[in-house]
Amino acid sequence: MTTIALAAPAVLALEKRSNAELEEVFLRGATPALSSIAGWEWRGLNTPPWFRLLGIKKFIKGFYKDASGQVWGYNCPVEQNGLREPWIARPDDANPRRFGFYTVSPVDPTARDNRYLHALLLDYGKGKNPRLDPSAGLRDYLVQVDARDPDVLLGKAYYAAGPLRLPTFSFFILERHRRAPDTIVR
């Protein structure tokens, strides 16, 4: 597991694939080990090109384990420089803003959010975010692109609106970036 400052060429190639192609990759993906993602921050790329206009094309996701063993995650905004430029957290890399917290667990086949049984579920509704935080409706599914390579993950986002689970028609790619801090301040 190496840490590099820029996205790997394979990640940039994956980002250029169509939603239909990404769906095939996603369906063939493997379940990531919780122990493989906890304790790390990951460079993230939202695949829709128009996310650049929203200022959310690039991001960082972090994962950590609490004292009880539950895996949690968070998001950090990053500078929206080019895709071949470094991921630099905002307001600065040493003190990034962490928001949009979520729990991480294997998909429970008996739960409402059980669309992809081979994935991990990132459940923002259980993330203890502020009461009116719109991220609470997000439900992301996450797979490992290649069962032999734990450093590249593919996510697919849905939005919970009451009992409905609405597809967002967007994928995101995560690539291992750096060790997460030992203590996460919310």
N, C-alpha and C. Protein backbone atom coordinates (compact mmCIF):
# COMPACT_ATOMS: atom_id res chain seq x y z
N MET A 1 0.85 -1.18 0.00
CA MET A 1 0.00 0.00 0.00
C MET A 1 0.89 1.24 0.00
N THR A 2 0.93 1.92 -1.09
CA THR A 2 1.76 3.11 -1.21
C THR A 2 0.87 4.35 -1.18
N THR A 3 1.44 5.41 -0.66
CA THR A 3 0.73 6.68 -0.64
C THR A 3 1.38 7.59 -1.68
N ILE A 4 0.60 8.05 -2.63
CA ILE A 4 1.11 8.97 -3.64
C ILE A 4 0.25 10.22 -3.61
N ALA A 5 0.80 11.31 -4.09
CA ALA A 5 0.10 12.59 -4.00
C ALA A 5 -0.91 12.80 -5.12
N LEU A 6 -0.80 12.05 -6.19
CA LEU A 6 -1.66 12.26 -7.35
C LEU A 6 -2.45 11.00 -7.65
N ALA A 7 -3.57 11.15 -8.34
CA ALA A 7 -4.37 9.99 -8.74
C ALA A 7 -3.59 9.13 -9.72
N ALA A 8 -3.69 7.83 -9.55
CA ALA A 8 -3.02 6.89 -10.44
C ALA A 8 -3.68 6.91 -11.82
N PRO A 9 -2.93 6.62 -12.87
CA PRO A 9 -3.52 6.57 -14.21
C PRO A 9 -4.72 5.64 -14.31
N ALA A 10 -4.69 4.50 -13.61
CA ALA A 10 -5.83 3.56 -13.65
C ALA A 10 -7.09 4.20 -13.07
N VAL A 11 -6.93 5.04 -12.05
CA VAL A 11 -8.08 5.73 -11.44
C VAL A 11 -8.63 6.76 -12.42
N LEU A 12 -7.75 7.50 -13.07
CA LEU A 12 -8.19 8.49 -14.05
C LEU A 12 -8.90 7.82 -15.23
N ALA A 13 -8.43 6.63 -15.62
CA ALA A 13 -9.09 5.89 -16.70
C ALA A 13 -10.47 5.41 -16.26
N LEU A 14 -10.59 4.97 -15.03
CA LEU A 14 -11.88 4.53 -14.49
C LEU A 14 -12.87 5.70 -14.45
N GLU A 15 -12.40 6.87 -14.12
CA GLU A 15 -13.24 8.07 -14.03
C GLU A 15 -13.86 8.43 -15.38
N LYS A 16 -13.21 8.05 -16.47
CA LYS A 16 -13.70 8.38 -17.81
C LYS A 16 -14.75 7.38 -18.33
N ARG A 17 -14.97 6.30 -17.63
CA ARG A 17 -15.93 5.29 -18.10
C ARG A 17 -17.37 5.78 -17.97
N SER A 18 -18.22 5.23 -18.80
CA SER A 18 -19.65 5.56 -18.76
C SER A 18 -20.30 4.94 -17.52
N ASN A 19 -21.49 5.42 -17.18
CA ASN A 19 -22.22 4.83 -16.05
C ASN A 19 -22.51 3.36 -16.29
N ALA A 20 -22.81 2.97 -17.52
CA ALA A 20 -23.07 1.55 -17.82
C ALA A 20 -21.82 0.71 -17.57
N GLU A 21 -20.66 1.23 -17.97
CA GLU A 21 -19.41 0.50 -17.73
C GLU A 21 -19.08 0.45 -16.25
N LEU A 22 -19.32 1.56 -15.54
CA LEU A 22 -19.07 1.58 -14.10
C LEU A 22 -20.00 0.63 -13.36
N GLU A 23 -21.23 0.51 -13.84
CA GLU A 23 -22.17 -0.44 -13.23
C GLU A 23 -21.64 -1.86 -13.34
N GLU A 24 -21.07 -2.21 -14.50
CA GLU A 24 -20.48 -3.55 -14.67
C GLU A 24 -19.31 -3.76 -13.71
N VAL A 25 -18.45 -2.76 -13.59
CA VAL A 25 -17.32 -2.85 -12.67
C VAL A 25 -17.84 -3.01 -11.24
N PHE A 26 -18.86 -2.23 -10.90
CA PHE A 26 -19.42 -2.26 -9.55
C PHE A 26 -19.99 -3.65 -9.24
N LEU A 27 -20.74 -4.22 -10.16
CA LEU A 27 -21.37 -5.52 -9.94
C LEU A 27 -20.34 -6.64 -9.82
N ARG A 28 -19.18 -6.47 -10.44
CA ARG A 28 -18.10 -7.47 -10.34
C ARG A 28 -17.21 -7.23 -9.13
N GLY A 29 -17.40 -6.11 -8.44
CA GLY A 29 -16.53 -5.74 -7.33
C GLY A 29 -16.61 -6.70 -6.16
N ALA A 30 -15.61 -6.62 -5.30
CA ALA A 30 -15.53 -7.44 -4.09
C ALA A 30 -15.85 -6.59 -2.87
N THR A 31 -16.25 -7.24 -1.80
CA THR A 31 -16.52 -6.52 -0.55
C THR A 31 -15.20 -6.10 0.07
N PRO A 32 -15.00 -4.81 0.33
CA PRO A 32 -13.77 -4.38 1.00
C PRO A 32 -13.77 -4.84 2.46
N ALA A 33 -12.62 -5.19 2.96
CA ALA A 33 -12.49 -5.53 4.38
C ALA A 33 -12.53 -4.24 5.20
N LEU A 34 -13.35 -4.22 6.24
CA LEU A 34 -13.41 -3.04 7.10
C LEU A 34 -12.03 -2.70 7.65
N SER A 35 -11.25 -3.73 7.97
CA SER A 35 -9.90 -3.51 8.51
C SER A 35 -8.97 -2.87 7.49
N SER A 36 -9.29 -3.01 6.21
CA SER A 36 -8.46 -2.43 5.15
C SER A 36 -8.74 -0.95 4.93
N ILE A 37 -9.95 -0.50 5.26
CA ILE A 37 -10.28 0.91 5.01
C ILE A 37 -10.16 1.77 6.27
N ALA A 38 -10.42 1.19 7.44
CA ALA A 38 -10.36 1.96 8.69
C ALA A 38 -8.93 2.43 8.94
N GLY A 39 -8.81 3.69 9.36
CA GLY A 39 -7.50 4.26 9.64
C GLY A 39 -6.84 4.94 8.45
N TRP A 40 -7.61 5.09 7.36
CA TRP A 40 -7.06 5.69 6.15
C TRP A 40 -7.96 6.80 5.63
N GLU A 41 -7.33 7.75 4.93
CA GLU A 41 -8.06 8.73 4.14
C GLU A 41 -7.84 8.38 2.67
N TRP A 42 -8.86 8.66 1.87
CA TRP A 42 -8.88 8.26 0.47
C TRP A 42 -9.16 9.46 -0.42
N ARG A 43 -8.38 9.58 -1.52
CA ARG A 43 -8.68 10.58 -2.54
C ARG A 43 -9.97 10.16 -3.21
N GLY A 44 -10.89 11.10 -3.39
CA GLY A 44 -12.15 10.77 -4.03
C GLY A 44 -12.39 11.59 -5.29
N LEU A 45 -13.06 10.94 -6.25
CA LEU A 45 -13.47 11.58 -7.50
C LEU A 45 -14.92 11.23 -7.76
N ASN A 46 -15.78 12.22 -7.84
CA ASN A 46 -17.14 11.99 -8.32
C ASN A 46 -17.05 11.89 -9.83
N THR A 47 -17.73 10.91 -10.43
CA THR A 47 -17.56 10.68 -11.87
C THR A 47 -18.34 11.65 -12.76
N PRO A 48 -19.52 12.16 -12.36
CA PRO A 48 -20.21 13.06 -13.29
C PRO A 48 -19.39 14.34 -13.55
N PRO A 49 -19.16 14.68 -14.82
CA PRO A 49 -18.36 15.87 -15.13
C PRO A 49 -18.95 17.15 -14.55
N TRP A 50 -20.28 17.22 -14.48
CA TRP A 50 -20.91 18.45 -14.00
C TRP A 50 -20.73 18.67 -12.50
N PHE A 51 -20.21 17.68 -11.77
CA PHE A 51 -19.91 17.89 -10.35
C PHE A 51 -18.80 18.93 -10.18
N ARG A 52 -18.00 19.11 -11.23
CA ARG A 52 -16.96 20.15 -11.19
C ARG A 52 -17.61 21.52 -11.01
N LEU A 53 -18.75 21.75 -11.68
CA LEU A 53 -19.47 23.03 -11.56
C LEU A 53 -20.00 23.25 -10.15
N LEU A 54 -20.32 22.16 -9.45
CA LEU A 54 -20.81 22.26 -8.07
C LEU A 54 -19.66 22.38 -7.06
N GLY A 55 -18.44 22.23 -7.53
CA GLY A 55 -17.28 22.32 -6.64
C GLY A 55 -17.08 21.07 -5.80
N ILE A 56 -17.57 19.92 -6.31
CA ILE A 56 -17.44 18.68 -5.54
C ILE A 56 -16.91 17.53 -6.40
N LYS A 57 -16.16 17.83 -7.43
CA LYS A 57 -15.58 16.79 -8.26
C LYS A 57 -14.56 15.97 -7.45
N LYS A 58 -13.72 16.68 -6.72
CA LYS A 58 -12.69 16.05 -5.89
C LYS A 58 -13.06 16.20 -4.42
N PHE A 59 -12.71 15.20 -3.63
CA PHE A 59 -12.97 15.23 -2.19
C PHE A 59 -12.06 14.22 -1.51
N ILE A 60 -12.10 14.19 -0.21
CA ILE A 60 -11.40 13.17 0.58
C ILE A 60 -12.44 12.51 1.47
N LYS A 61 -12.39 11.18 1.56
CA LYS A 61 -13.17 10.42 2.53
C LYS A 61 -12.20 9.78 3.50
N GLY A 62 -12.54 9.83 4.78
CA GLY A 62 -11.73 9.18 5.79
C GLY A 62 -12.55 8.14 6.52
N PHE A 63 -11.87 7.14 7.07
CA PHE A 63 -12.52 6.06 7.80
C PHE A 63 -11.75 5.83 9.10
N TYR A 64 -12.49 5.62 10.19
CA TYR A 64 -11.86 5.35 11.48
C TYR A 64 -12.75 4.42 12.29
N LYS A 65 -12.15 3.82 13.31
CA LYS A 65 -12.87 2.89 14.17
C LYS A 65 -12.97 3.52 15.56
N ASP A 66 -14.18 3.47 16.16
CA ASP A 66 -14.34 4.01 17.51
C ASP A 66 -13.97 2.94 18.54
N ALA A 67 -14.05 3.30 19.82
CA ALA A 67 -13.64 2.39 20.91
C ALA A 67 -14.44 1.10 20.92
N SER A 68 -15.69 1.14 20.43
CA SER A 68 -16.52 -0.07 20.42
C SER A 68 -16.27 -0.96 19.20
N GLY A 69 -15.45 -0.48 18.27
CA GLY A 69 -15.15 -1.25 17.06
C GLY A 69 -15.98 -0.86 15.85
N GLN A 70 -16.95 0.07 16.01
CA GLN A 70 -17.76 0.53 14.89
C GLN A 70 -16.89 1.37 13.95
N VAL A 71 -16.98 1.11 12.66
CA VAL A 71 -16.25 1.91 11.66
C VAL A 71 -17.14 3.08 11.25
N TRP A 72 -16.55 4.25 11.24
CA TRP A 72 -17.20 5.51 10.86
C TRP A 72 -16.44 6.13 9.70
N GLY A 73 -17.06 7.10 9.08
CA GLY A 73 -16.39 7.83 8.02
C GLY A 73 -16.80 9.28 8.00
N TYR A 74 -16.07 10.05 7.22
CA TYR A 74 -16.31 11.50 7.09
C TYR A 74 -15.84 11.94 5.72
N ASN A 75 -16.20 13.15 5.36
CA ASN A 75 -15.77 13.77 4.11
C ASN A 75 -14.97 15.03 4.43
N CYS A 76 -14.07 15.38 3.54
CA CYS A 76 -13.33 16.64 3.62
C CYS A 76 -13.39 17.31 2.25
N PRO A 77 -13.65 18.61 2.23
CA PRO A 77 -13.57 19.31 0.94
C PRO A 77 -12.10 19.49 0.55
N VAL A 78 -11.86 19.54 -0.74
CA VAL A 78 -10.49 19.76 -1.23
C VAL A 78 -10.51 20.83 -2.30
N GLU A 79 -9.32 21.36 -2.56
CA GLU A 79 -9.18 22.32 -3.65
C GLU A 79 -9.64 21.65 -4.94
N GLN A 80 -10.38 22.38 -5.73
CA GLN A 80 -10.90 21.83 -6.99
C GLN A 80 -9.96 22.18 -8.14
N ASN A 81 -8.69 21.82 -7.95
CA ASN A 81 -7.71 22.00 -9.02
C ASN A 81 -7.89 20.85 -10.02
N GLY A 82 -7.01 20.70 -10.94
CA GLY A 82 -7.15 19.67 -11.96
C GLY A 82 -7.05 18.26 -11.41
N LEU A 83 -7.55 17.29 -12.17
CA LEU A 83 -7.52 15.90 -11.73
C LEU A 83 -6.11 15.34 -11.65
N ARG A 84 -5.19 15.99 -12.34
CA ARG A 84 -3.79 15.55 -12.30
C ARG A 84 -2.98 16.39 -11.30
N GLU A 85 -3.68 17.08 -10.42
CA GLU A 85 -3.06 17.89 -9.38
C GLU A 85 -3.27 17.23 -8.03
N PRO A 86 -2.49 17.60 -7.01
CA PRO A 86 -2.63 16.98 -5.68
C PRO A 86 -3.99 17.27 -5.03
N TRP A 87 -4.40 16.35 -4.17
CA TRP A 87 -5.59 16.53 -3.32
C TRP A 87 -5.13 17.31 -2.09
N ILE A 88 -5.60 18.55 -1.96
CA ILE A 88 -5.22 19.41 -0.84
C ILE A 88 -6.50 19.77 -0.09
N ALA A 89 -6.60 19.29 1.14
CA ALA A 89 -7.81 19.50 1.93
C ALA A 89 -7.97 20.98 2.28
N ARG A 90 -9.25 21.37 2.46
CA ARG A 90 -9.57 22.74 2.85
C ARG A 90 -10.15 22.73 4.27
N PRO A 91 -9.94 23.74 5.06
CA PRO A 91 -9.31 25.00 4.70
C PRO A 91 -7.81 24.88 4.49
N ASP A 92 -7.17 23.87 5.11
CA ASP A 92 -5.80 23.56 4.75
C ASP A 92 -5.54 22.09 5.06
N ASP A 93 -4.50 21.56 4.46
CA ASP A 93 -4.23 20.13 4.55
C ASP A 93 -3.94 19.67 5.98
N ALA A 94 -3.38 20.55 6.80
CA ALA A 94 -3.07 20.19 8.19
C ALA A 94 -4.31 20.19 9.08
N ASN A 95 -5.30 21.01 8.74
CA ASN A 95 -6.53 21.12 9.54
C ASN A 95 -7.75 21.09 8.63
N PRO A 96 -8.05 19.93 8.05
CA PRO A 96 -9.19 19.87 7.13
C PRO A 96 -10.52 19.96 7.88
N ARG A 97 -11.51 20.45 7.17
CA ARG A 97 -12.88 20.46 7.71
C ARG A 97 -13.45 19.07 7.50
N ARG A 98 -13.97 18.46 8.55
CA ARG A 98 -14.59 17.14 8.44
C ARG A 98 -16.08 17.30 8.63
N PHE A 99 -16.87 16.71 7.74
CA PHE A 99 -18.32 16.84 7.78
C PHE A 99 -18.93 15.61 7.12
N GLY A 100 -20.25 15.53 7.11
CA GLY A 100 -20.93 14.43 6.44
C GLY A 100 -20.50 13.08 6.97
N PHE A 101 -20.66 12.87 8.28
CA PHE A 101 -20.24 11.63 8.91
C PHE A 101 -21.23 10.50 8.60
N TYR A 102 -20.75 9.27 8.64
CA TYR A 102 -21.57 8.10 8.32
C TYR A 102 -21.02 6.88 9.03
N THR A 103 -21.86 5.87 9.23
CA THR A 103 -21.40 4.58 9.71
C THR A 103 -21.04 3.72 8.50
N VAL A 104 -20.18 2.75 8.73
CA VAL A 104 -19.76 1.84 7.67
C VAL A 104 -19.96 0.41 8.17
N SER A 105 -20.66 -0.38 7.39
CA SER A 105 -20.92 -1.77 7.79
C SER A 105 -21.22 -2.61 6.55
N PRO A 106 -21.08 -3.93 6.71
CA PRO A 106 -21.52 -4.80 5.61
C PRO A 106 -23.02 -4.59 5.39
N VAL A 107 -23.49 -4.79 4.19
CA VAL A 107 -24.90 -4.63 3.88
C VAL A 107 -25.67 -5.75 4.58
N ASP A 108 -26.72 -5.36 5.28
CA ASP A 108 -27.61 -6.31 5.97
C ASP A 108 -28.72 -6.70 5.00
N PRO A 109 -28.81 -7.97 4.63
CA PRO A 109 -29.83 -8.37 3.65
C PRO A 109 -31.26 -8.17 4.13
N THR A 110 -31.46 -8.01 5.45
CA THR A 110 -32.81 -7.83 5.98
C THR A 110 -33.18 -6.35 6.16
N ALA A 111 -32.25 -5.45 5.90
CA ALA A 111 -32.50 -4.02 6.09
C ALA A 111 -33.06 -3.39 4.82
N ARG A 112 -33.60 -2.19 4.96
CA ARG A 112 -34.13 -1.46 3.80
C ARG A 112 -33.02 -1.16 2.79
N ASP A 113 -31.85 -0.78 3.29
CA ASP A 113 -30.73 -0.44 2.41
C ASP A 113 -29.92 -1.71 2.13
N ASN A 114 -30.43 -2.54 1.21
CA ASN A 114 -29.79 -3.82 0.93
C ASN A 114 -29.66 -4.09 -0.57
N ARG A 115 -29.47 -3.04 -1.33
CA ARG A 115 -29.45 -3.17 -2.79
C ARG A 115 -28.27 -4.01 -3.29
N TYR A 116 -27.11 -3.88 -2.67
CA TYR A 116 -25.92 -4.59 -3.14
C TYR A 116 -25.32 -5.37 -1.97
N LEU A 117 -25.59 -6.65 -1.91
CA LEU A 117 -25.17 -7.47 -0.78
C LEU A 117 -23.67 -7.70 -0.73
N HIS A 118 -22.98 -7.44 -1.83
CA HIS A 118 -21.53 -7.64 -1.87
C HIS A 118 -20.76 -6.35 -1.53
N ALA A 119 -21.45 -5.35 -1.06
CA ALA A 119 -20.84 -4.04 -0.80
C ALA A 119 -20.83 -3.72 0.69
N LEU A 120 -20.11 -2.67 1.02
CA LEU A 120 -20.24 -2.03 2.33
C LEU A 120 -21.25 -0.90 2.17
N LEU A 121 -21.98 -0.58 3.25
CA LEU A 121 -22.94 0.51 3.25
C LEU A 121 -22.38 1.67 4.06
N LEU A 122 -22.36 2.85 3.45
CA LEU A 122 -22.02 4.08 4.14
C LEU A 122 -23.34 4.79 4.40
N ASP A 123 -23.78 4.79 5.66
CA ASP A 123 -25.10 5.28 6.03
C ASP A 123 -24.99 6.62 6.75
N TYR A 124 -25.23 7.68 6.02
CA TYR A 124 -25.15 9.03 6.58
C TYR A 124 -26.31 9.29 7.54
N GLY A 125 -27.39 8.55 7.42
CA GLY A 125 -28.52 8.70 8.33
C GLY A 125 -28.18 8.30 9.75
N LYS A 126 -27.14 7.50 9.94
CA LYS A 126 -26.70 7.07 11.26
C LYS A 126 -25.43 7.80 11.69
N GLY A 127 -25.06 8.86 10.95
CA GLY A 127 -23.80 9.54 11.17
C GLY A 127 -23.77 10.59 12.26
N LYS A 128 -24.90 10.79 12.94
CA LYS A 128 -24.98 11.80 14.02
C LYS A 128 -24.60 13.19 13.52
N ASN A 129 -25.06 13.52 12.32
CA ASN A 129 -24.83 14.84 11.74
C ASN A 129 -25.84 15.82 12.29
N PRO A 130 -25.65 17.12 12.07
CA PRO A 130 -26.65 18.10 12.52
C PRO A 130 -28.04 17.76 12.01
N ARG A 131 -29.05 18.11 12.76
CA ARG A 131 -30.43 17.71 12.51
C ARG A 131 -30.92 17.98 11.09
N LEU A 132 -30.63 19.14 10.53
CA LEU A 132 -31.13 19.49 9.21
C LEU A 132 -30.10 19.29 8.10
N ASP A 133 -29.05 18.53 8.38
CA ASP A 133 -28.00 18.29 7.40
C ASP A 133 -28.56 17.45 6.25
N PRO A 134 -28.54 17.96 5.00
CA PRO A 134 -29.08 17.20 3.87
C PRO A 134 -28.30 15.92 3.57
N SER A 135 -27.08 15.81 4.07
CA SER A 135 -26.32 14.59 3.81
C SER A 135 -26.93 13.37 4.51
N ALA A 136 -27.81 13.59 5.48
CA ALA A 136 -28.41 12.47 6.22
C ALA A 136 -29.14 11.49 5.31
N GLY A 137 -29.58 11.94 4.15
CA GLY A 137 -30.29 11.05 3.23
C GLY A 137 -29.39 10.19 2.36
N LEU A 138 -28.10 10.44 2.38
CA LEU A 138 -27.20 9.67 1.52
C LEU A 138 -27.01 8.24 2.02
N ARG A 139 -27.01 7.32 1.08
CA ARG A 139 -26.70 5.92 1.32
C ARG A 139 -25.76 5.50 0.19
N ASP A 140 -24.51 5.31 0.53
CA ASP A 140 -23.51 4.93 -0.47
C ASP A 140 -23.16 3.45 -0.32
N TYR A 141 -23.01 2.79 -1.44
CA TYR A 141 -22.52 1.41 -1.47
C TYR A 141 -21.10 1.45 -1.99
N LEU A 142 -20.23 0.62 -1.41
CA LEU A 142 -18.80 0.69 -1.72
C LEU A 142 -18.26 -0.71 -1.97
N VAL A 143 -17.56 -0.88 -3.10
CA VAL A 143 -16.91 -2.16 -3.43
C VAL A 143 -15.45 -1.92 -3.78
N GLN A 144 -14.69 -3.00 -3.70
CA GLN A 144 -13.30 -3.00 -4.12
C GLN A 144 -13.29 -3.38 -5.59
N VAL A 145 -12.70 -2.57 -6.43
CA VAL A 145 -12.73 -2.78 -7.88
C VAL A 145 -12.09 -4.11 -8.26
N ASP A 146 -10.95 -4.40 -7.69
CA ASP A 146 -10.20 -5.63 -7.98
C ASP A 146 -9.97 -6.34 -6.64
N ALA A 147 -10.39 -7.59 -6.54
CA ALA A 147 -10.26 -8.33 -5.28
C ALA A 147 -8.82 -8.42 -4.79
N ARG A 148 -7.84 -8.27 -5.71
CA ARG A 148 -6.43 -8.35 -5.33
C ARG A 148 -5.83 -7.01 -4.95
N ASP A 149 -6.56 -5.91 -5.16
CA ASP A 149 -6.02 -4.56 -4.92
C ASP A 149 -6.93 -3.79 -3.98
N PRO A 150 -6.58 -3.70 -2.70
CA PRO A 150 -7.43 -3.00 -1.74
C PRO A 150 -7.32 -1.48 -1.79
N ASP A 151 -6.55 -0.94 -2.73
CA ASP A 151 -6.28 0.49 -2.76
C ASP A 151 -7.21 1.30 -3.66
N VAL A 152 -8.11 0.64 -4.41
CA VAL A 152 -9.04 1.35 -5.29
C VAL A 152 -10.45 0.82 -5.03
N LEU A 153 -11.36 1.74 -4.70
CA LEU A 153 -12.74 1.40 -4.39
C LEU A 153 -13.67 2.16 -5.32
N LEU A 154 -14.85 1.61 -5.54
CA LEU A 154 -15.87 2.25 -6.36
C LEU A 154 -17.14 2.35 -5.53
N GLY A 155 -17.71 3.54 -5.50
CA GLY A 155 -18.94 3.77 -4.74
C GLY A 155 -20.09 4.16 -5.64
N LYS A 156 -21.29 3.89 -5.16
CA LYS A 156 -22.51 4.25 -5.87
C LYS A 156 -23.45 4.87 -4.86
N ALA A 157 -23.98 6.06 -5.20
CA ALA A 157 -24.77 6.83 -4.25
C ALA A 157 -26.27 6.73 -4.51
N TYR A 158 -27.01 6.66 -3.42
CA TYR A 158 -28.47 6.73 -3.42
C TYR A 158 -28.88 7.78 -2.40
N TYR A 159 -30.12 8.24 -2.52
CA TYR A 159 -30.63 9.21 -1.55
C TYR A 159 -31.93 8.67 -0.95
N ALA A 160 -31.99 8.62 0.37
CA ALA A 160 -33.17 8.13 1.08
C ALA A 160 -34.14 9.28 1.27
N ALA A 161 -35.37 9.08 0.79
CA ALA A 161 -36.45 10.04 0.99
C ALA A 161 -37.61 9.24 1.58
N GLY A 162 -37.68 9.24 2.92
CA GLY A 162 -38.65 8.39 3.58
C GLY A 162 -38.34 6.94 3.24
N PRO A 163 -39.34 6.16 2.80
CA PRO A 163 -39.08 4.76 2.46
C PRO A 163 -38.44 4.57 1.08
N LEU A 164 -38.39 5.62 0.29
CA LEU A 164 -37.82 5.51 -1.06
C LEU A 164 -36.31 5.61 -1.04
N ARG A 165 -35.68 4.92 -1.97
CA ARG A 165 -34.24 5.03 -2.19
C ARG A 165 -34.06 5.45 -3.64
N LEU A 166 -33.69 6.71 -3.81
CA LEU A 166 -33.61 7.30 -5.14
C LEU A 166 -32.18 7.21 -5.68
N PRO A 167 -32.00 6.67 -6.87
CA PRO A 167 -30.64 6.64 -7.44
C PRO A 167 -30.20 8.07 -7.78
N THR A 168 -28.95 8.35 -7.53
CA THR A 168 -28.40 9.66 -7.89
C THR A 168 -27.73 9.61 -9.26
N PHE A 169 -27.62 8.41 -9.82
CA PHE A 169 -26.98 8.21 -11.12
C PHE A 169 -25.53 8.69 -11.10
N SER A 170 -24.91 8.55 -9.92
CA SER A 170 -23.51 8.94 -9.85
C SER A 170 -22.70 7.88 -9.11
N PHE A 171 -21.49 7.74 -9.58
CA PHE A 171 -20.50 6.87 -8.96
C PHE A 171 -19.39 7.76 -8.43
N PHE A 172 -18.60 7.19 -7.53
CA PHE A 172 -17.39 7.88 -7.08
C PHE A 172 -16.29 6.84 -6.93
N ILE A 173 -15.06 7.30 -7.10
CA ILE A 173 -13.89 6.43 -7.03
C ILE A 173 -13.06 6.89 -5.85
N LEU A 174 -12.58 5.93 -5.07
CA LEU A 174 -11.69 6.22 -3.95
C LEU A 174 -10.36 5.52 -4.18
N GLU A 175 -9.29 6.25 -3.87
CA GLU A 175 -7.94 5.68 -3.95
C GLU A 175 -7.22 6.00 -2.64
N ARG A 176 -6.59 4.99 -2.06
CA ARG A 176 -5.90 5.18 -0.77
C ARG A 176 -4.96 6.39 -0.88
N HIS A 177 -5.05 7.26 0.12
CA HIS A 177 -4.31 8.52 0.09
C HIS A 177 -3.26 8.60 1.19
N ARG A 178 -3.70 8.50 2.45
CA ARG A 178 -2.78 8.64 3.57
C ARG A 178 -3.45 8.11 4.84
N ARG A 179 -2.65 7.91 5.86
CA ARG A 179 -3.18 7.49 7.15
C ARG A 179 -4.11 8.57 7.69
N ALA A 180 -5.21 8.15 8.29
CA ALA A 180 -6.13 9.07 8.95
C ALA A 180 -5.56 9.41 10.33
N PRO A 181 -5.95 10.55 10.89
CA PRO A 181 -5.50 10.87 12.24
C PRO A 181 -6.03 9.85 13.25
N ASP A 182 -5.32 9.68 14.34
CA ASP A 182 -5.75 8.75 15.38
C ASP A 182 -7.03 9.22 16.08
N THR A 183 -7.16 10.53 16.21
CA THR A 183 -8.33 11.10 16.87
C THR A 183 -9.07 12.01 15.88
N ILE A 184 -10.37 11.78 15.75
CA ILE A 184 -11.19 12.59 14.86
C ILE A 184 -12.06 13.51 15.71
N VAL A 185 -11.91 14.81 15.50
CA VAL A 185 -12.72 15.80 16.20
C VAL A 185 -13.89 16.14 15.33
N ARG A 186 -15.09 15.97 15.88
CA ARG A 186 -16.32 16.24 15.12
C ARG A 186 -16.76 17.67 15.35
